[in-house]
């Protein structure tokens, strides 16, 4: 009997671990999530808790300007490798979607930044009017990164802010003036009432 109870106890301890083991999840990646890399890797590797099924696994790599930068994935046990074809410097998002053995869908993404490369959006730079200076060379990513964010967003955000401040300032003076007039009227009314009461 003690042996039977021991076996039953051991089985009860092992039973809760079965659903957890059937649920797959990402355990690591290369490049890691949030990394900044200066040299583009030849491939992206995702590591999972369990072996993903090739038929139900989908890996996508999207770069700046929504450019697809991945190829056909290859599977090696719990590792999935996707060829990496960088197009520009900037943020790259590796999205993954697969099904666990328990049928539960698993999806997520890994983000990393490539710090060197070509211009992210050549059409947004003034290269058509000024020649092939900033966009022709591969080392034009710093100029592209400075031109991109400053193509109108700072000035567009600064002008409305100034107008809002001036409008709010003018309204504030009007409210203050109205409050002073109201206060003077109240004081005058109190003085008149006291004088009438004294008479």
N, C-alpha and C. Protein backbone atom coordinates (compact mmCIF):
# COMPACT_ATOMS: atom_id res chain seq x y z
N UNK A 1 0.81 -1.22 0.00
CA UNK A 1 0.00 0.00 0.00
C UNK A 1 0.85 1.27 0.00
N UNK A 2 1.91 1.39 0.80
CA UNK A 2 2.73 2.61 0.73
C UNK A 2 3.28 2.85 -0.66
N UNK A 3 3.60 1.76 -1.37
CA UNK A 3 4.14 1.92 -2.72
C UNK A 3 3.09 2.51 -3.65
N UNK A 4 1.83 2.02 -3.50
CA UNK A 4 0.74 2.52 -4.34
C UNK A 4 0.51 3.99 -4.09
N UNK A 5 0.49 4.40 -2.82
CA UNK A 5 0.30 5.82 -2.49
C UNK A 5 1.44 6.67 -3.03
N UNK A 6 2.66 6.14 -2.97
CA UNK A 6 3.81 6.90 -3.48
C UNK A 6 3.71 7.10 -4.98
N UNK A 7 3.29 6.07 -5.71
CA UNK A 7 3.15 6.20 -7.16
C UNK A 7 2.04 7.20 -7.50
N UNK A 8 0.92 7.10 -6.80
CA UNK A 8 -0.19 8.03 -7.05
C UNK A 8 0.22 9.47 -6.76
N UNK A 9 0.99 9.70 -5.69
CA UNK A 9 1.45 11.03 -5.34
C UNK A 9 2.39 11.59 -6.41
N UNK A 10 3.27 10.71 -6.92
CA UNK A 10 4.18 11.14 -7.97
C UNK A 10 3.45 11.51 -9.25
N UNK A 11 2.42 10.73 -9.60
CA UNK A 11 1.64 11.04 -10.80
C UNK A 11 0.90 12.36 -10.64
N UNK A 12 0.37 12.62 -9.44
CA UNK A 12 -0.35 13.87 -9.20
C UNK A 12 0.57 15.07 -9.31
N UNK A 13 1.84 14.92 -8.93
CA UNK A 13 2.79 16.02 -9.06
C UNK A 13 3.16 16.28 -10.50
N UNK A 14 3.22 15.23 -11.30
CA UNK A 14 3.61 15.38 -12.70
C UNK A 14 2.45 15.85 -13.58
N UNK A 15 1.22 15.62 -13.19
CA UNK A 15 0.07 15.94 -14.03
C UNK A 15 -0.05 17.43 -14.33
N UNK A 16 0.09 18.36 -13.35
CA UNK A 16 -0.07 19.79 -13.66
C UNK A 16 0.97 20.33 -14.62
N UNK A 17 2.11 19.66 -14.75
CA UNK A 17 3.17 20.17 -15.62
C UNK A 17 2.88 19.90 -17.08
N UNK A 18 1.95 18.97 -17.38
CA UNK A 18 1.70 18.62 -18.77
C UNK A 18 1.12 19.76 -19.58
N UNK A 19 0.08 20.49 -19.11
CA UNK A 19 -0.42 21.61 -19.90
C UNK A 19 0.62 22.71 -20.08
N UNK A 20 1.43 22.97 -19.06
CA UNK A 20 2.45 24.01 -19.18
C UNK A 20 3.47 23.65 -20.23
N UNK A 21 3.85 22.36 -20.27
CA UNK A 21 4.83 21.94 -21.26
C UNK A 21 4.25 21.99 -22.66
N UNK A 22 2.94 21.81 -22.78
CA UNK A 22 2.31 21.85 -24.10
C UNK A 22 2.16 23.27 -24.61
N UNK A 23 2.27 24.25 -23.74
CA UNK A 23 2.13 25.65 -24.15
C UNK A 23 3.49 26.18 -24.57
N UNK A 24 3.63 26.53 -25.84
CA UNK A 24 4.91 26.99 -26.36
C UNK A 24 5.06 28.49 -26.13
N UNK A 25 6.30 28.97 -26.11
CA UNK A 25 6.56 30.39 -25.94
C UNK A 25 7.98 30.70 -26.38
N UNK A 26 8.25 31.97 -26.66
CA UNK A 26 9.57 32.41 -27.08
C UNK A 26 10.51 32.48 -25.88
N UNK A 27 11.71 31.91 -26.01
CA UNK A 27 12.68 31.93 -24.92
C UNK A 27 13.88 32.82 -25.22
N UNK A 28 14.09 33.20 -26.47
CA UNK A 28 15.23 34.05 -26.80
C UNK A 28 15.28 34.32 -28.29
N UNK A 29 16.14 35.25 -28.68
CA UNK A 29 16.28 35.60 -30.09
C UNK A 29 17.67 36.17 -30.34
N UNK A 30 18.04 36.17 -31.60
CA UNK A 30 19.31 36.76 -32.03
C UNK A 30 19.05 37.51 -33.33
N UNK A 31 19.10 38.86 -33.31
CA UNK A 31 19.39 39.75 -32.19
C UNK A 31 18.30 39.71 -31.12
N UNK A 32 18.67 40.08 -29.92
CA UNK A 32 17.71 40.08 -28.82
C UNK A 32 16.75 41.24 -28.96
N UNK A 33 15.64 41.15 -28.26
CA UNK A 33 14.61 42.19 -28.31
C UNK A 33 15.16 43.50 -27.74
N UNK A 34 15.02 44.59 -28.50
CA UNK A 34 15.48 45.90 -28.07
C UNK A 34 16.93 46.19 -28.38
N UNK A 35 17.63 45.28 -29.08
CA UNK A 35 19.05 45.47 -29.36
C UNK A 35 19.27 46.52 -30.43
N UNK A 36 20.44 47.13 -30.41
CA UNK A 36 20.90 48.05 -31.45
C UNK A 36 22.15 47.45 -32.07
N UNK A 37 22.10 47.12 -33.34
CA UNK A 37 23.21 46.45 -34.01
C UNK A 37 23.73 47.33 -35.13
N UNK A 38 25.06 47.38 -35.26
CA UNK A 38 25.68 48.18 -36.31
C UNK A 38 25.90 47.36 -37.57
N UNK A 39 26.09 46.05 -37.42
CA UNK A 39 26.28 45.17 -38.57
C UNK A 39 25.06 44.28 -38.73
N UNK A 40 24.50 44.27 -39.92
CA UNK A 40 23.30 43.48 -40.16
C UNK A 40 23.62 41.99 -40.10
N UNK A 41 22.89 41.19 -39.33
CA UNK A 41 23.12 39.74 -39.29
C UNK A 41 22.65 39.08 -40.58
N UNK A 42 23.22 37.93 -40.87
CA UNK A 42 22.82 37.21 -42.08
C UNK A 42 21.45 36.58 -41.93
N UNK A 43 21.06 36.29 -40.69
CA UNK A 43 19.75 35.68 -40.45
C UNK A 43 19.27 36.06 -39.06
N UNK A 44 17.98 35.93 -38.86
CA UNK A 44 17.35 36.16 -37.57
C UNK A 44 16.98 34.80 -36.98
N UNK A 45 17.30 34.60 -35.70
CA UNK A 45 17.01 33.32 -35.04
C UNK A 45 16.05 33.54 -33.89
N UNK A 46 15.00 32.74 -33.85
CA UNK A 46 14.05 32.73 -32.74
C UNK A 46 14.13 31.39 -32.05
N UNK A 47 14.18 31.40 -30.72
CA UNK A 47 14.26 30.17 -29.93
C UNK A 47 12.99 30.03 -29.09
N UNK A 48 12.39 28.85 -29.17
CA UNK A 48 11.13 28.60 -28.49
C UNK A 48 11.29 27.51 -27.43
N UNK A 49 10.29 27.43 -26.54
CA UNK A 49 10.31 26.44 -25.48
C UNK A 49 10.15 25.04 -26.04
N UNK A 50 9.32 24.89 -27.06
CA UNK A 50 9.10 23.60 -27.69
C UNK A 50 9.28 23.74 -29.19
N UNK A 51 9.40 22.60 -29.87
CA UNK A 51 9.61 22.61 -31.31
C UNK A 51 8.35 23.11 -32.01
N UNK A 52 8.44 24.19 -32.79
CA UNK A 52 7.26 24.69 -33.51
C UNK A 52 7.02 23.87 -34.78
N UNK A 53 5.76 23.75 -35.15
CA UNK A 53 5.41 23.02 -36.35
C UNK A 53 5.57 23.92 -37.57
N UNK A 54 6.32 23.48 -38.59
CA UNK A 54 6.54 24.33 -39.77
C UNK A 54 5.24 24.70 -40.48
N UNK A 55 4.23 23.83 -40.42
CA UNK A 55 2.99 24.10 -41.16
C UNK A 55 2.14 25.18 -40.49
N UNK A 56 2.31 25.39 -39.20
CA UNK A 56 1.48 26.37 -38.49
C UNK A 56 2.30 27.55 -37.96
N UNK A 57 3.54 27.68 -38.40
CA UNK A 57 4.40 28.75 -37.92
C UNK A 57 4.60 29.79 -39.01
N UNK A 58 4.41 31.05 -38.65
CA UNK A 58 4.55 32.15 -39.59
C UNK A 58 5.49 33.19 -39.00
N UNK A 59 6.57 33.51 -39.73
CA UNK A 59 7.55 34.49 -39.30
C UNK A 59 7.62 35.59 -40.35
N UNK A 60 7.50 36.85 -39.92
CA UNK A 60 7.62 37.99 -40.82
C UNK A 60 8.62 38.99 -40.26
N UNK A 61 9.38 39.60 -41.15
CA UNK A 61 10.34 40.64 -40.77
C UNK A 61 10.01 41.89 -41.56
N UNK A 62 9.69 42.96 -40.87
CA UNK A 62 9.32 44.22 -41.51
C UNK A 62 10.29 45.30 -41.08
N UNK A 63 10.81 46.04 -42.07
CA UNK A 63 11.76 47.10 -41.80
C UNK A 63 11.17 48.47 -41.97
N UNK A 64 12.01 49.50 -42.04
CA UNK A 64 11.51 50.87 -42.26
C UNK A 64 10.70 50.97 -43.54
N UNK A 65 9.71 51.82 -43.52
CA UNK A 65 8.79 52.03 -44.65
C UNK A 65 8.04 50.76 -45.00
N UNK A 66 7.86 49.85 -44.01
CA UNK A 66 7.11 48.60 -44.20
C UNK A 66 7.71 47.70 -45.27
N UNK A 67 9.04 47.74 -45.40
CA UNK A 67 9.73 46.89 -46.36
C UNK A 67 9.92 45.50 -45.76
N UNK A 68 9.53 44.46 -46.50
CA UNK A 68 9.70 43.08 -46.04
C UNK A 68 11.16 42.70 -46.17
N UNK A 69 11.76 42.25 -45.07
CA UNK A 69 13.20 41.98 -45.06
C UNK A 69 13.51 40.55 -44.65
N UNK A 70 12.58 39.63 -44.86
CA UNK A 70 12.80 38.24 -44.47
C UNK A 70 12.58 37.29 -45.63
N UNK A 71 13.03 36.04 -45.45
CA UNK A 71 12.86 35.01 -46.46
C UNK A 71 12.13 33.81 -45.89
N UNK A 72 12.37 32.65 -46.49
CA UNK A 72 11.73 31.41 -46.06
C UNK A 72 12.38 30.90 -44.78
N UNK A 73 11.62 30.64 -43.72
CA UNK A 73 12.22 30.18 -42.46
C UNK A 73 12.67 28.72 -42.55
N UNK A 74 13.69 28.39 -41.78
CA UNK A 74 14.16 27.01 -41.65
C UNK A 74 14.05 26.61 -40.19
N UNK A 75 13.75 25.33 -39.94
CA UNK A 75 13.49 24.84 -38.59
C UNK A 75 14.57 23.86 -38.17
N UNK A 76 15.06 24.04 -36.94
CA UNK A 76 16.07 23.17 -36.37
C UNK A 76 15.70 22.92 -34.91
N UNK A 77 14.90 21.91 -34.67
CA UNK A 77 14.43 21.64 -33.31
C UNK A 77 13.52 22.77 -32.85
N UNK A 78 13.89 23.41 -31.74
CA UNK A 78 13.09 24.52 -31.21
C UNK A 78 13.55 25.87 -31.75
N UNK A 79 14.47 25.87 -32.72
CA UNK A 79 15.00 27.10 -33.29
C UNK A 79 14.44 27.32 -34.69
N UNK A 80 14.11 28.58 -34.97
CA UNK A 80 13.64 28.96 -36.30
C UNK A 80 14.55 30.07 -36.80
N UNK A 81 15.10 29.89 -38.01
CA UNK A 81 16.00 30.87 -38.59
C UNK A 81 15.40 31.41 -39.88
N UNK A 82 15.47 32.74 -40.03
CA UNK A 82 14.93 33.40 -41.21
C UNK A 82 16.03 34.25 -41.84
N UNK A 83 16.28 34.11 -43.14
CA UNK A 83 17.28 34.98 -43.80
C UNK A 83 16.90 36.45 -43.65
N UNK A 84 17.91 37.26 -43.39
CA UNK A 84 17.68 38.68 -43.17
C UNK A 84 18.24 39.47 -44.35
N UNK A 85 17.37 40.29 -44.96
CA UNK A 85 17.77 41.11 -46.11
C UNK A 85 17.50 42.58 -45.77
N UNK A 86 18.45 43.24 -45.09
CA UNK A 86 18.20 44.62 -44.67
C UNK A 86 18.13 45.57 -45.86
N UNK A 87 17.25 46.56 -45.76
CA UNK A 87 17.09 47.54 -46.81
C UNK A 87 17.52 48.94 -46.37
N UNK A 88 17.51 49.21 -45.10
CA UNK A 88 17.82 50.55 -44.61
C UNK A 88 18.12 50.49 -43.12
N UNK A 89 18.71 51.55 -42.63
CA UNK A 89 18.89 51.68 -41.19
C UNK A 89 17.57 52.06 -40.55
N UNK A 90 17.32 51.53 -39.38
CA UNK A 90 16.07 51.84 -38.69
C UNK A 90 15.56 50.67 -37.89
N UNK A 91 14.29 50.74 -37.51
CA UNK A 91 13.66 49.73 -36.67
C UNK A 91 13.17 48.56 -37.51
N UNK A 92 13.47 47.34 -37.05
CA UNK A 92 12.99 46.12 -37.69
C UNK A 92 12.15 45.35 -36.68
N UNK A 93 11.02 44.84 -37.15
CA UNK A 93 10.09 44.11 -36.29
C UNK A 93 9.96 42.68 -36.82
N UNK A 94 10.30 41.71 -35.97
CA UNK A 94 10.18 40.30 -36.31
C UNK A 94 8.91 39.78 -35.64
N UNK A 95 7.90 39.52 -36.43
CA UNK A 95 6.64 39.00 -35.89
C UNK A 95 6.56 37.49 -36.05
N UNK A 96 6.06 36.82 -35.04
CA UNK A 96 5.93 35.36 -35.10
C UNK A 96 4.54 34.96 -34.64
N UNK A 97 4.06 33.88 -35.24
CA UNK A 97 2.76 33.31 -34.89
C UNK A 97 2.83 31.81 -35.10
N UNK A 98 2.47 31.06 -34.08
CA UNK A 98 2.51 29.61 -34.15
C UNK A 98 1.45 29.04 -33.22
N UNK A 99 1.25 27.74 -33.33
CA UNK A 99 0.26 27.05 -32.50
C UNK A 99 0.98 26.09 -31.56
N UNK A 100 0.58 26.09 -30.28
CA UNK A 100 1.14 25.17 -29.31
C UNK A 100 0.52 23.80 -29.46
N UNK A 101 1.11 22.82 -28.77
CA UNK A 101 0.56 21.47 -28.80
C UNK A 101 -0.82 21.40 -28.17
N UNK A 102 -1.12 22.34 -27.26
CA UNK A 102 -2.44 22.36 -26.64
C UNK A 102 -3.47 23.12 -27.47
N UNK A 103 -3.06 23.58 -28.67
CA UNK A 103 -3.97 24.29 -29.54
C UNK A 103 -4.03 25.79 -29.30
N UNK A 104 -3.34 26.27 -28.28
CA UNK A 104 -3.38 27.69 -27.95
C UNK A 104 -2.46 28.47 -28.90
N UNK A 105 -2.96 29.49 -29.59
CA UNK A 105 -2.11 30.27 -30.50
C UNK A 105 -1.12 31.14 -29.73
N UNK A 106 0.09 31.21 -30.23
CA UNK A 106 1.14 32.01 -29.61
C UNK A 106 1.61 33.02 -30.66
N UNK A 107 1.60 34.30 -30.30
CA UNK A 107 2.07 35.33 -31.21
C UNK A 107 2.80 36.40 -30.43
N UNK A 108 3.69 37.08 -31.10
CA UNK A 108 4.45 38.16 -30.47
C UNK A 108 5.40 38.76 -31.49
N UNK A 109 6.30 39.60 -31.00
CA UNK A 109 7.26 40.24 -31.89
C UNK A 109 8.55 40.56 -31.15
N UNK A 110 9.62 40.64 -31.92
CA UNK A 110 10.94 41.02 -31.44
C UNK A 110 11.37 42.25 -32.23
N UNK A 111 11.81 43.29 -31.54
CA UNK A 111 12.20 44.54 -32.19
C UNK A 111 13.70 44.79 -31.98
N UNK A 112 14.37 45.19 -33.03
CA UNK A 112 15.76 45.62 -32.92
C UNK A 112 16.01 46.72 -33.94
N UNK A 113 17.07 47.50 -33.71
CA UNK A 113 17.38 48.65 -34.56
C UNK A 113 18.71 48.44 -35.26
N UNK A 114 18.70 48.59 -36.57
CA UNK A 114 19.93 48.56 -37.36
C UNK A 114 20.41 49.99 -37.50
N UNK A 115 21.61 50.26 -36.99
CA UNK A 115 22.09 51.65 -36.92
C UNK A 115 22.80 52.10 -38.17
N UNK A 116 23.15 51.21 -39.09
CA UNK A 116 23.81 51.60 -40.32
C UNK A 116 23.04 51.05 -41.51
N UNK A 117 23.10 51.75 -42.63
CA UNK A 117 22.40 51.29 -43.83
C UNK A 117 22.12 52.45 -44.76
N UNK A 118 21.29 52.23 -45.74
CA UNK A 118 20.94 53.28 -46.69
C UNK A 118 19.82 54.13 -46.14
N UNK A 119 19.43 55.14 -46.91
CA UNK A 119 18.36 56.04 -46.45
C UNK A 119 17.06 55.27 -46.30
N UNK A 120 16.32 55.56 -45.24
CA UNK A 120 15.08 54.83 -44.96
C UNK A 120 13.98 55.19 -45.95
N UNK A 121 13.91 56.48 -46.37
CA UNK A 121 12.85 56.92 -47.28
C UNK A 121 13.44 57.94 -48.25
N UNK A 122 14.03 57.48 -49.37
CA UNK A 122 14.67 58.43 -50.28
C UNK A 122 13.68 59.43 -50.87
N UNK A 123 12.41 59.07 -51.04
CA UNK A 123 11.44 59.99 -51.64
C UNK A 123 11.15 61.17 -50.74
N UNK A 124 11.39 61.02 -49.42
CA UNK A 124 11.11 62.12 -48.49
C UNK A 124 12.25 63.11 -48.42
N UNK A 125 13.44 62.80 -48.98
CA UNK A 125 14.58 63.70 -48.94
C UNK A 125 14.57 64.59 -50.17
N UNK A 126 15.15 65.79 -50.10
CA UNK A 126 15.16 66.70 -51.25
C UNK A 126 16.26 66.34 -52.24
N UNK A 127 16.46 65.05 -52.55
CA UNK A 127 17.52 64.63 -53.45
C UNK A 127 17.18 64.92 -54.89
N UNK A 128 15.87 64.95 -55.24
CA UNK A 128 15.48 65.18 -56.63
C UNK A 128 15.86 66.58 -57.06
N UNK A 129 15.76 67.56 -56.16
CA UNK A 129 16.06 68.94 -56.53
C UNK A 129 17.53 69.25 -56.36
N UNK A 130 18.20 68.64 -55.42
CA UNK A 130 19.58 69.00 -55.12
C UNK A 130 20.60 68.01 -55.62
N UNK A 131 20.23 67.02 -56.42
CA UNK A 131 21.20 66.06 -56.93
C UNK A 131 21.25 64.84 -56.08
N UNK A 132 22.30 64.01 -56.29
CA UNK A 132 22.43 62.73 -55.62
C UNK A 132 23.39 62.80 -54.47
N UNK A 133 23.52 63.96 -53.83
CA UNK A 133 24.48 64.09 -52.75
C UNK A 133 24.14 63.26 -51.54
N UNK A 134 23.05 63.57 -50.77
CA UNK A 134 22.79 62.85 -49.53
C UNK A 134 22.27 61.45 -49.73
N UNK A 135 21.62 61.16 -50.89
CA UNK A 135 21.01 59.84 -51.04
C UNK A 135 21.86 58.88 -51.83
N UNK A 136 22.92 59.34 -52.49
CA UNK A 136 23.68 58.44 -53.34
C UNK A 136 24.62 57.55 -52.58
N UNK A 137 25.22 58.03 -51.48
CA UNK A 137 26.22 57.24 -50.77
C UNK A 137 25.56 56.38 -49.74
N UNK A 138 26.14 55.16 -49.46
CA UNK A 138 25.56 54.28 -48.44
C UNK A 138 25.64 54.87 -47.05
N UNK A 139 26.60 55.81 -46.84
CA UNK A 139 26.74 56.37 -45.50
C UNK A 139 25.81 57.54 -45.28
N UNK A 140 24.75 57.62 -46.02
CA UNK A 140 23.82 58.75 -45.90
C UNK A 140 22.79 58.57 -44.84
N UNK A 141 22.88 57.50 -44.03
CA UNK A 141 21.86 57.27 -43.01
C UNK A 141 21.80 58.35 -41.95
N UNK A 142 22.97 58.95 -41.50
CA UNK A 142 22.82 60.03 -40.52
C UNK A 142 22.05 61.21 -41.08
N UNK A 143 22.37 61.60 -42.37
CA UNK A 143 21.64 62.73 -42.92
C UNK A 143 20.18 62.40 -43.11
N UNK A 144 19.91 61.11 -43.51
CA UNK A 144 18.51 60.73 -43.70
C UNK A 144 17.76 60.74 -42.38
N UNK A 145 18.45 60.32 -41.32
CA UNK A 145 17.76 60.27 -40.03
C UNK A 145 17.50 61.67 -39.50
N UNK A 146 18.42 62.63 -39.85
CA UNK A 146 18.17 63.99 -39.39
C UNK A 146 17.14 64.69 -40.25
N UNK A 147 17.14 64.37 -41.57
CA UNK A 147 16.17 65.01 -42.45
C UNK A 147 14.77 64.49 -42.19
N UNK A 148 14.66 63.16 -41.98
CA UNK A 148 13.34 62.55 -41.81
C UNK A 148 12.52 63.18 -40.71
N UNK A 149 13.05 63.18 -39.45
CA UNK A 149 12.22 63.72 -38.37
C UNK A 149 11.97 65.21 -38.46
N UNK A 150 12.85 65.97 -39.21
CA UNK A 150 12.72 67.43 -39.21
C UNK A 150 12.05 67.94 -40.47
N UNK A 151 11.32 67.07 -41.18
CA UNK A 151 10.66 67.49 -42.42
C UNK A 151 9.33 68.16 -42.18
N UNK A 152 9.13 68.70 -41.02
CA UNK A 152 7.90 69.45 -40.81
C UNK A 152 7.25 69.19 -39.48
N UNK A 153 7.60 68.08 -38.81
CA UNK A 153 6.92 67.77 -37.57
C UNK A 153 7.26 68.73 -36.44
N UNK A 154 8.55 69.20 -36.27
CA UNK A 154 8.80 70.15 -35.18
C UNK A 154 8.09 71.48 -35.39
N UNK A 155 8.19 72.04 -36.66
CA UNK A 155 7.55 73.33 -36.87
C UNK A 155 6.04 73.22 -36.79
N UNK A 156 5.52 72.08 -37.29
CA UNK A 156 4.06 71.91 -37.25
C UNK A 156 3.55 71.81 -35.84
N UNK A 157 4.38 71.21 -34.94
CA UNK A 157 3.93 71.08 -33.56
C UNK A 157 4.19 72.35 -32.76
N UNK A 158 5.20 73.18 -33.21
CA UNK A 158 5.54 74.37 -32.44
C UNK A 158 4.53 75.49 -32.68
N UNK A 159 4.09 75.66 -33.93
CA UNK A 159 3.20 76.77 -34.24
C UNK A 159 1.86 76.65 -33.54
N UNK A 160 1.19 75.46 -33.59
CA UNK A 160 -0.07 75.36 -32.84
C UNK A 160 0.10 75.59 -31.36
N UNK A 161 1.27 75.13 -30.80
CA UNK A 161 1.48 75.31 -29.37
C UNK A 161 1.55 76.78 -29.02
N UNK A 162 2.27 77.57 -29.89
CA UNK A 162 2.38 79.01 -29.61
C UNK A 162 1.03 79.68 -29.71
N UNK A 163 0.24 79.29 -30.74
CA UNK A 163 -1.07 79.91 -30.87
C UNK A 163 -1.97 79.55 -29.71
N UNK A 164 -1.89 78.30 -29.25
CA UNK A 164 -2.70 77.91 -28.10
C UNK A 164 -2.31 78.68 -26.86
N UNK A 165 -0.98 78.90 -26.69
CA UNK A 165 -0.54 79.66 -25.51
C UNK A 165 -1.04 81.09 -25.58
N UNK A 166 -0.96 81.72 -26.79
CA UNK A 166 -1.41 83.11 -26.88
C UNK A 166 -2.91 83.22 -26.66
N UNK A 167 -3.66 82.24 -27.22
CA UNK A 167 -5.12 82.27 -27.00
C UNK A 167 -5.47 82.11 -25.54
N UNK A 168 -4.79 81.14 -24.89
CA UNK A 168 -5.09 80.92 -23.48
C UNK A 168 -4.68 82.11 -22.62
N UNK A 169 -3.53 82.77 -23.05
CA UNK A 169 -3.11 83.95 -22.30
C UNK A 169 -4.10 85.08 -22.42
N UNK A 170 -4.64 85.32 -23.65
CA UNK A 170 -5.63 86.37 -23.83
C UNK A 170 -6.89 86.09 -23.06
N UNK A 171 -7.33 84.85 -23.10
CA UNK A 171 -8.53 84.49 -22.34
C UNK A 171 -8.31 84.64 -20.84
N UNK A 172 -7.09 84.35 -20.39
CA UNK A 172 -6.79 84.50 -18.97
C UNK A 172 -6.91 85.94 -18.51
N UNK A 173 -6.41 86.89 -19.35
CA UNK A 173 -6.56 88.30 -18.98
C UNK A 173 -8.03 88.72 -18.96
N UNK A 174 -8.81 88.20 -19.90
CA UNK A 174 -10.23 88.55 -19.90
C UNK A 174 -10.93 88.05 -18.64
N UNK A 175 -10.61 86.80 -18.26
CA UNK A 175 -11.23 86.25 -17.05
C UNK A 175 -10.80 87.05 -15.81
N UNK A 176 -9.52 87.44 -15.77
CA UNK A 176 -9.05 88.21 -14.60
C UNK A 176 -9.73 89.57 -14.52
N UNK A 177 -9.89 90.22 -15.70
CA UNK A 177 -10.55 91.52 -15.72
C UNK A 177 -12.01 91.40 -15.29
N UNK A 178 -12.68 90.33 -15.78
CA UNK A 178 -14.07 90.13 -15.39
C UNK A 178 -14.21 89.87 -13.89
N UNK A 179 -13.24 89.12 -13.33
CA UNK A 179 -13.29 88.84 -11.89
C UNK A 179 -13.10 90.12 -11.08
N UNK A 180 -12.19 91.00 -11.55
CA UNK A 180 -11.98 92.27 -10.83
C UNK A 180 -13.23 93.14 -10.86
N UNK A 181 -13.89 93.20 -12.04
CA UNK A 181 -15.11 94.00 -12.14
C UNK A 181 -16.19 93.46 -11.21
N UNK A 182 -16.32 92.13 -11.18
CA UNK A 182 -17.33 91.52 -10.31
C UNK A 182 -17.02 91.78 -8.84
N UNK A 183 -15.73 91.71 -8.48
CA UNK A 183 -15.34 91.97 -7.09
C UNK A 183 -15.61 93.41 -6.71
N UNK A 184 -15.34 94.36 -7.61
CA UNK A 184 -15.60 95.77 -7.32
C UNK A 184 -17.09 96.02 -7.13
N UNK A 185 -17.93 95.36 -7.95
CA UNK A 185 -19.37 95.52 -7.82
C UNK A 185 -19.86 94.99 -6.48
N UNK A 186 -19.31 93.86 -6.04
CA UNK A 186 -19.72 93.31 -4.75
C UNK A 186 -19.32 94.23 -3.60
N UNK A 187 -18.10 94.75 -3.67
CA UNK A 187 -17.64 95.66 -2.60
C UNK A 187 -18.50 96.91 -2.56
N UNK A 188 -18.82 97.47 -3.72
CA UNK A 188 -19.66 98.67 -3.77
C UNK A 188 -21.04 98.39 -3.18
N UNK A 189 -21.60 97.21 -3.53
CA UNK A 189 -22.91 96.87 -2.98
C UNK A 189 -22.89 96.74 -1.47
N UNK A 190 -21.83 96.14 -0.92
CA UNK A 190 -21.73 96.01 0.54
C UNK A 190 -21.61 97.37 1.22
N UNK A 191 -20.84 98.28 0.62
CA UNK A 191 -20.67 99.61 1.22
C UNK A 191 -22.00 100.36 1.22
N UNK A 192 -22.74 100.27 0.10
CA UNK A 192 -24.03 100.96 0.02
C UNK A 192 -25.01 100.42 1.06
N UNK A 193 -25.03 99.10 1.25
CA UNK A 193 -25.93 98.50 2.23
C UNK A 193 -25.58 98.94 3.65
N UNK A 194 -24.30 99.01 3.96
CA UNK A 194 -23.91 99.44 5.30
C UNK A 194 -24.30 100.90 5.56
N UNK A 195 -24.14 101.73 4.53
CA UNK A 195 -24.50 103.14 4.69
C UNK A 195 -26.02 103.28 4.92
N UNK A 196 -26.80 102.51 4.17
CA UNK A 196 -28.26 102.56 4.35
C UNK A 196 -28.66 102.05 5.72
N UNK A 197 -27.97 101.03 6.19
CA UNK A 197 -28.27 100.49 7.53
C UNK A 197 -27.91 101.48 8.61
N UNK A 198 -26.83 102.25 8.41
CA UNK A 198 -26.40 103.21 9.42
C UNK A 198 -27.37 104.38 9.49
N UNK A 199 -27.99 104.74 8.33
CA UNK A 199 -28.96 105.83 8.34
C UNK A 199 -30.27 105.40 9.01
